[in-house]
Amino acid sequence: MLLGLFHLLEERKNGKERAKAEAKVAVSKLMDEVIFLVGDDSRAQLRRVHRTLRDHFTVVNDQRLRAASDAVRTASEATQLGNGQHDPRITELRANLAELGQLRGRLAAPVG
């Protein structure tokens, strides 16, 4: 009878320890799965943020490059036009100055 009772208590104790061990294994598996899913989600979100930032700054960079290219082109055109059109304009202005000088000379001359 004592041996049976001892065996029964041992069996109950072993059952509790087994249940604790199984619970620890189940919690460990659950934690591994949660850590995996959180890591996977965080990597996916990081990729999305990276893509969004890359696209945004690509657009900003393209706009800046376009503006710089337009400025260089405008400056180049102004230089080309300046070389070709300043001379006729200067000659025209000199002719106007000469004409004004002649008119001034006529006005300064005594009438008579």
N, C-alpha and C. Protein backbone atom coordinates (compact mmCIF):
# COMPACT_ATOMS: atom_id res chain seq x y z
N MET A 1 0.83 -1.18 0.00
CA MET A 1 0.00 0.00 0.00
C MET A 1 0.89 1.25 0.00
N LEU A 2 1.90 1.28 0.84
CA LEU A 2 2.81 2.41 0.90
C LEU A 2 3.59 2.55 -0.40
N LEU A 3 3.97 1.42 -0.92
CA LEU A 3 4.69 1.43 -2.18
C LEU A 3 3.79 1.97 -3.30
N GLY A 4 2.56 1.61 -3.30
CA GLY A 4 1.59 2.09 -4.30
C GLY A 4 1.37 3.59 -4.15
N LEU A 5 1.24 4.04 -2.89
CA LEU A 5 1.05 5.46 -2.62
C LEU A 5 2.28 6.25 -3.05
N PHE A 6 3.47 5.73 -2.74
CA PHE A 6 4.73 6.37 -3.12
C PHE A 6 4.83 6.46 -4.64
N HIS A 7 4.46 5.37 -5.30
CA HIS A 7 4.50 5.33 -6.77
C HIS A 7 3.50 6.35 -7.35
N LEU A 8 2.34 6.48 -6.75
CA LEU A 8 1.32 7.42 -7.20
C LEU A 8 1.81 8.87 -7.05
N LEU A 9 2.42 9.18 -5.92
CA LEU A 9 2.96 10.53 -5.69
C LEU A 9 4.10 10.83 -6.67
N GLU A 10 4.96 9.85 -6.90
CA GLU A 10 6.04 10.01 -7.87
C GLU A 10 5.49 10.26 -9.27
N GLU A 11 4.48 9.53 -9.64
CA GLU A 11 3.85 9.67 -10.96
C GLU A 11 3.24 11.07 -11.10
N ARG A 12 2.59 11.55 -10.07
CA ARG A 12 1.99 12.89 -10.10
C ARG A 12 3.08 13.95 -10.23
N LYS A 13 4.17 13.81 -9.47
CA LYS A 13 5.29 14.74 -9.50
C LYS A 13 5.94 14.75 -10.89
N ASN A 14 6.16 13.58 -11.44
CA ASN A 14 6.74 13.47 -12.77
C ASN A 14 5.82 14.09 -13.84
N GLY A 15 4.52 13.92 -13.69
CA GLY A 15 3.54 14.50 -14.62
C GLY A 15 3.60 16.03 -14.60
N LYS A 16 3.70 16.59 -13.38
CA LYS A 16 3.79 18.06 -13.26
C LYS A 16 5.08 18.57 -13.89
N GLU A 17 6.19 17.88 -13.65
CA GLU A 17 7.47 18.29 -14.22
C GLU A 17 7.44 18.17 -15.75
N ARG A 18 6.82 17.12 -16.25
CA ARG A 18 6.69 16.94 -17.69
C ARG A 18 5.84 18.06 -18.30
N ALA A 19 4.74 18.39 -17.60
CA ALA A 19 3.87 19.47 -18.09
C ALA A 19 4.63 20.80 -18.10
N LYS A 20 5.44 21.05 -17.05
CA LYS A 20 6.24 22.28 -17.01
C LYS A 20 7.25 22.31 -18.16
N ALA A 21 7.89 21.19 -18.41
CA ALA A 21 8.88 21.11 -19.49
C ALA A 21 8.21 21.34 -20.84
N GLU A 22 7.04 20.74 -21.05
CA GLU A 22 6.31 20.93 -22.30
C GLU A 22 5.86 22.37 -22.46
N ALA A 23 5.44 23.00 -21.34
CA ALA A 23 5.02 24.40 -21.38
C ALA A 23 6.22 25.30 -21.73
N LYS A 24 7.39 24.98 -21.15
CA LYS A 24 8.58 25.77 -21.47
C LYS A 24 8.94 25.65 -22.95
N VAL A 25 8.85 24.44 -23.49
CA VAL A 25 9.14 24.23 -24.90
C VAL A 25 8.14 24.99 -25.77
N ALA A 26 6.85 24.94 -25.38
CA ALA A 26 5.81 25.64 -26.15
C ALA A 26 6.03 27.15 -26.11
N VAL A 27 6.38 27.69 -24.93
CA VAL A 27 6.64 29.13 -24.81
C VAL A 27 7.87 29.50 -25.63
N SER A 28 8.89 28.65 -25.59
CA SER A 28 10.10 28.92 -26.37
C SER A 28 9.79 28.95 -27.87
N LYS A 29 8.98 27.98 -28.34
CA LYS A 29 8.60 27.97 -29.75
C LYS A 29 7.79 29.21 -30.11
N LEU A 30 6.86 29.59 -29.22
CA LEU A 30 6.03 30.76 -29.46
C LEU A 30 6.89 32.03 -29.52
N MET A 31 7.83 32.15 -28.61
CA MET A 31 8.71 33.32 -28.59
C MET A 31 9.57 33.36 -29.86
N ASP A 32 10.08 32.21 -30.28
CA ASP A 32 10.86 32.16 -31.53
C ASP A 32 10.02 32.62 -32.71
N GLU A 33 8.77 32.17 -32.76
CA GLU A 33 7.88 32.55 -33.85
C GLU A 33 7.57 34.05 -33.81
N VAL A 34 7.31 34.57 -32.60
CA VAL A 34 7.02 35.99 -32.45
C VAL A 34 8.23 36.83 -32.86
N ILE A 35 9.40 36.42 -32.40
CA ILE A 35 10.62 37.16 -32.74
C ILE A 35 10.85 37.12 -34.25
N PHE A 36 10.60 35.98 -34.87
CA PHE A 36 10.76 35.87 -36.32
C PHE A 36 9.79 36.79 -37.04
N LEU A 37 8.50 36.79 -36.62
CA LEU A 37 7.50 37.63 -37.28
C LEU A 37 7.78 39.11 -37.08
N VAL A 38 8.19 39.49 -35.87
CA VAL A 38 8.51 40.89 -35.61
C VAL A 38 9.71 41.32 -36.44
N GLY A 39 10.72 40.46 -36.49
CA GLY A 39 11.89 40.77 -37.31
C GLY A 39 11.53 40.89 -38.78
N ASP A 40 10.69 39.99 -39.25
CA ASP A 40 10.27 40.01 -40.65
C ASP A 40 9.48 41.28 -40.95
N ASP A 41 8.54 41.63 -40.05
CA ASP A 41 7.75 42.85 -40.25
C ASP A 41 8.63 44.09 -40.20
N SER A 42 9.56 44.12 -39.27
CA SER A 42 10.41 45.30 -39.17
C SER A 42 11.31 45.43 -40.40
N ARG A 43 11.80 44.32 -40.92
CA ARG A 43 12.60 44.37 -42.15
C ARG A 43 11.75 44.86 -43.33
N ALA A 44 10.51 44.37 -43.40
CA ALA A 44 9.63 44.79 -44.49
C ALA A 44 9.32 46.29 -44.38
N GLN A 45 9.06 46.76 -43.17
CA GLN A 45 8.78 48.18 -42.99
C GLN A 45 10.02 49.01 -43.29
N LEU A 46 11.17 48.54 -42.89
CA LEU A 46 12.42 49.25 -43.18
C LEU A 46 12.63 49.34 -44.69
N ARG A 47 12.33 48.26 -45.41
CA ARG A 47 12.45 48.29 -46.87
C ARG A 47 11.50 49.32 -47.47
N ARG A 48 10.24 49.35 -46.95
CA ARG A 48 9.27 50.33 -47.46
C ARG A 48 9.74 51.76 -47.21
N VAL A 49 10.23 52.03 -46.01
CA VAL A 49 10.73 53.37 -45.69
C VAL A 49 11.91 53.70 -46.58
N HIS A 50 12.81 52.74 -46.77
CA HIS A 50 13.97 52.96 -47.62
C HIS A 50 13.55 53.29 -49.05
N ARG A 51 12.59 52.53 -49.58
CA ARG A 51 12.10 52.77 -50.93
C ARG A 51 11.46 54.15 -51.05
N THR A 52 10.64 54.51 -50.05
CA THR A 52 9.97 55.80 -50.07
C THR A 52 10.98 56.94 -50.04
N LEU A 53 11.97 56.83 -49.15
CA LEU A 53 13.01 57.87 -49.08
C LEU A 53 13.82 57.93 -50.37
N ARG A 54 14.16 56.77 -50.90
CA ARG A 54 14.94 56.74 -52.15
C ARG A 54 14.16 57.41 -53.27
N ASP A 55 12.86 57.08 -53.40
CA ASP A 55 12.04 57.68 -54.45
C ASP A 55 11.93 59.19 -54.26
N HIS A 56 11.71 59.62 -53.02
CA HIS A 56 11.58 61.05 -52.73
C HIS A 56 12.85 61.80 -53.11
N PHE A 57 13.98 61.30 -52.65
CA PHE A 57 15.23 62.01 -52.90
C PHE A 57 15.68 61.87 -54.36
N THR A 58 15.23 60.84 -55.04
CA THR A 58 15.50 60.73 -56.47
C THR A 58 14.76 61.84 -57.21
N VAL A 59 13.51 62.07 -56.83
CA VAL A 59 12.73 63.15 -57.46
C VAL A 59 13.38 64.50 -57.16
N VAL A 60 13.76 64.73 -55.90
CA VAL A 60 14.40 66.00 -55.53
C VAL A 60 15.70 66.18 -56.30
N ASN A 61 16.49 65.11 -56.38
CA ASN A 61 17.75 65.17 -57.11
C ASN A 61 17.53 65.46 -58.59
N ASP A 62 16.54 64.80 -59.19
CA ASP A 62 16.24 65.05 -60.60
C ASP A 62 15.83 66.50 -60.82
N GLN A 63 15.03 67.06 -59.91
CA GLN A 63 14.62 68.45 -60.04
C GLN A 63 15.82 69.39 -59.95
N ARG A 64 16.69 69.11 -59.00
CA ARG A 64 17.88 69.96 -58.84
C ARG A 64 18.79 69.84 -60.07
N LEU A 65 18.97 68.62 -60.57
CA LEU A 65 19.80 68.45 -61.77
C LEU A 65 19.21 69.17 -62.97
N ARG A 66 17.87 69.09 -63.10
CA ARG A 66 17.21 69.77 -64.20
C ARG A 66 17.39 71.28 -64.08
N ALA A 67 17.23 71.81 -62.85
CA ALA A 67 17.40 73.25 -62.63
C ALA A 67 18.83 73.67 -62.93
N ALA A 68 19.80 72.88 -62.49
CA ALA A 68 21.20 73.20 -62.76
C ALA A 68 21.49 73.13 -64.25
N SER A 69 20.95 72.13 -64.91
CA SER A 69 21.16 71.99 -66.35
C SER A 69 20.53 73.17 -67.10
N ASP A 70 19.33 73.58 -66.68
CA ASP A 70 18.69 74.74 -67.30
C ASP A 70 19.53 76.00 -67.09
N ALA A 71 20.07 76.15 -65.88
CA ALA A 71 20.89 77.33 -65.59
C ALA A 71 22.15 77.34 -66.45
N VAL A 72 22.79 76.17 -66.60
CA VAL A 72 23.99 76.09 -67.43
C VAL A 72 23.64 76.38 -68.88
N ARG A 73 22.53 75.82 -69.36
CA ARG A 73 22.12 76.06 -70.74
C ARG A 73 21.80 77.54 -70.96
N THR A 74 21.08 78.15 -70.01
CA THR A 74 20.73 79.56 -70.14
C THR A 74 21.99 80.43 -70.15
N ALA A 75 22.92 80.12 -69.25
CA ALA A 75 24.18 80.88 -69.22
C ALA A 75 24.95 80.70 -70.51
N SER A 76 24.97 79.47 -71.03
CA SER A 76 25.67 79.21 -72.28
C SER A 76 25.02 79.97 -73.43
N GLU A 77 23.70 79.97 -73.48
CA GLU A 77 22.99 80.70 -74.53
C GLU A 77 23.25 82.20 -74.41
N ALA A 78 23.25 82.69 -73.15
CA ALA A 78 23.49 84.12 -72.95
C ALA A 78 24.89 84.50 -73.40
N THR A 79 25.85 83.62 -73.14
CA THR A 79 27.22 83.87 -73.57
C THR A 79 27.31 83.88 -75.08
N GLN A 80 26.66 82.91 -75.72
CA GLN A 80 26.69 82.85 -77.17
C GLN A 80 25.99 84.05 -77.79
N LEU A 81 24.84 84.42 -77.22
CA LEU A 81 24.12 85.58 -77.74
C LEU A 81 24.91 86.86 -77.46
N GLY A 82 25.54 86.89 -76.30
CA GLY A 82 26.30 88.08 -75.93
C GLY A 82 27.45 88.32 -76.88
N ASN A 83 28.13 87.27 -77.26
CA ASN A 83 29.26 87.42 -78.18
C ASN A 83 28.78 87.88 -79.55
N GLY A 84 27.65 87.41 -79.96
CA GLY A 84 27.17 87.73 -81.30
C GLY A 84 26.38 89.02 -81.36
N GLN A 85 25.71 89.43 -80.31
CA GLN A 85 24.80 90.56 -80.40
C GLN A 85 25.31 91.82 -79.72
N HIS A 86 26.34 91.73 -78.92
CA HIS A 86 26.84 92.94 -78.28
C HIS A 86 27.47 93.87 -79.32
N ASP A 87 28.18 93.31 -80.27
CA ASP A 87 28.87 94.14 -81.26
C ASP A 87 27.89 94.99 -82.07
N PRO A 88 26.82 94.42 -82.63
CA PRO A 88 25.89 95.26 -83.38
C PRO A 88 25.21 96.29 -82.48
N ARG A 89 24.93 95.91 -81.28
CA ARG A 89 24.27 96.83 -80.35
C ARG A 89 25.22 97.97 -79.98
N ILE A 90 26.47 97.63 -79.75
CA ILE A 90 27.45 98.66 -79.40
C ILE A 90 27.65 99.61 -80.58
N THR A 91 27.71 99.05 -81.78
CA THR A 91 27.87 99.91 -82.97
C THR A 91 26.66 100.81 -83.13
N GLU A 92 25.50 100.27 -82.87
CA GLU A 92 24.27 101.08 -82.96
C GLU A 92 24.29 102.20 -81.92
N LEU A 93 24.71 101.88 -80.71
CA LEU A 93 24.79 102.89 -79.66
C LEU A 93 25.83 103.96 -79.98
N ARG A 94 26.96 103.55 -80.53
CA ARG A 94 27.99 104.52 -80.92
C ARG A 94 27.48 105.44 -82.03
N ALA A 95 26.72 104.86 -82.95
CA ALA A 95 26.14 105.67 -84.03
C ALA A 95 25.15 106.67 -83.45
N ASN A 96 24.35 106.23 -82.48
CA ASN A 96 23.40 107.14 -81.83
C ASN A 96 24.14 108.25 -81.09
N LEU A 97 25.23 107.88 -80.40
CA LEU A 97 26.03 108.90 -79.70
C LEU A 97 26.62 109.91 -80.68
N ALA A 98 27.07 109.43 -81.79
CA ALA A 98 27.64 110.32 -82.82
C ALA A 98 26.57 111.27 -83.33
N GLU A 99 25.38 110.72 -83.56
CA GLU A 99 24.27 111.55 -84.04
C GLU A 99 23.89 112.59 -83.01
N LEU A 100 23.87 112.17 -81.71
CA LEU A 100 23.57 113.12 -80.64
C LEU A 100 24.65 114.21 -80.57
N GLY A 101 25.89 113.79 -80.76
CA GLY A 101 26.98 114.77 -80.77
C GLY A 101 26.81 115.79 -81.89
N GLN A 102 26.40 115.34 -83.04
CA GLN A 102 26.17 116.24 -84.17
C GLN A 102 25.03 117.20 -83.87
N LEU A 103 23.96 116.66 -83.28
CA LEU A 103 22.81 117.51 -82.93
C LEU A 103 23.23 118.55 -81.89
N ARG A 104 24.04 118.12 -80.93
CA ARG A 104 24.51 119.04 -79.89
C ARG A 104 25.38 120.12 -80.53
N GLY A 105 26.18 119.67 -81.48
CA GLY A 105 27.04 120.65 -82.18
C GLY A 105 26.21 121.66 -82.95
N ARG A 106 25.15 121.25 -83.56
CA ARG A 106 24.27 122.16 -84.29
C ARG A 106 23.60 123.15 -83.35
N LEU A 107 23.19 122.64 -82.17
CA LEU A 107 22.54 123.51 -81.22
C LEU A 107 23.52 124.53 -80.65
N ALA A 108 24.74 124.11 -80.48
CA ALA A 108 25.73 125.00 -79.90
C ALA A 108 26.21 126.04 -80.91
N ALA A 109 26.06 125.72 -82.19
CA ALA A 109 26.52 126.64 -83.23
C ALA A 109 25.61 127.89 -83.24
N PRO A 110 26.23 129.05 -83.47
CA PRO A 110 25.41 130.26 -83.49
C PRO A 110 24.49 130.29 -84.69
N VAL A 111 23.32 130.77 -84.41
CA VAL A 111 22.31 130.82 -85.45
C VAL A 111 22.55 132.13 -86.22
N GLY A 112 22.59 132.03 -87.46
CA GLY A 112 22.74 133.22 -88.06
C GLY A 112 22.96 133.66 -89.32
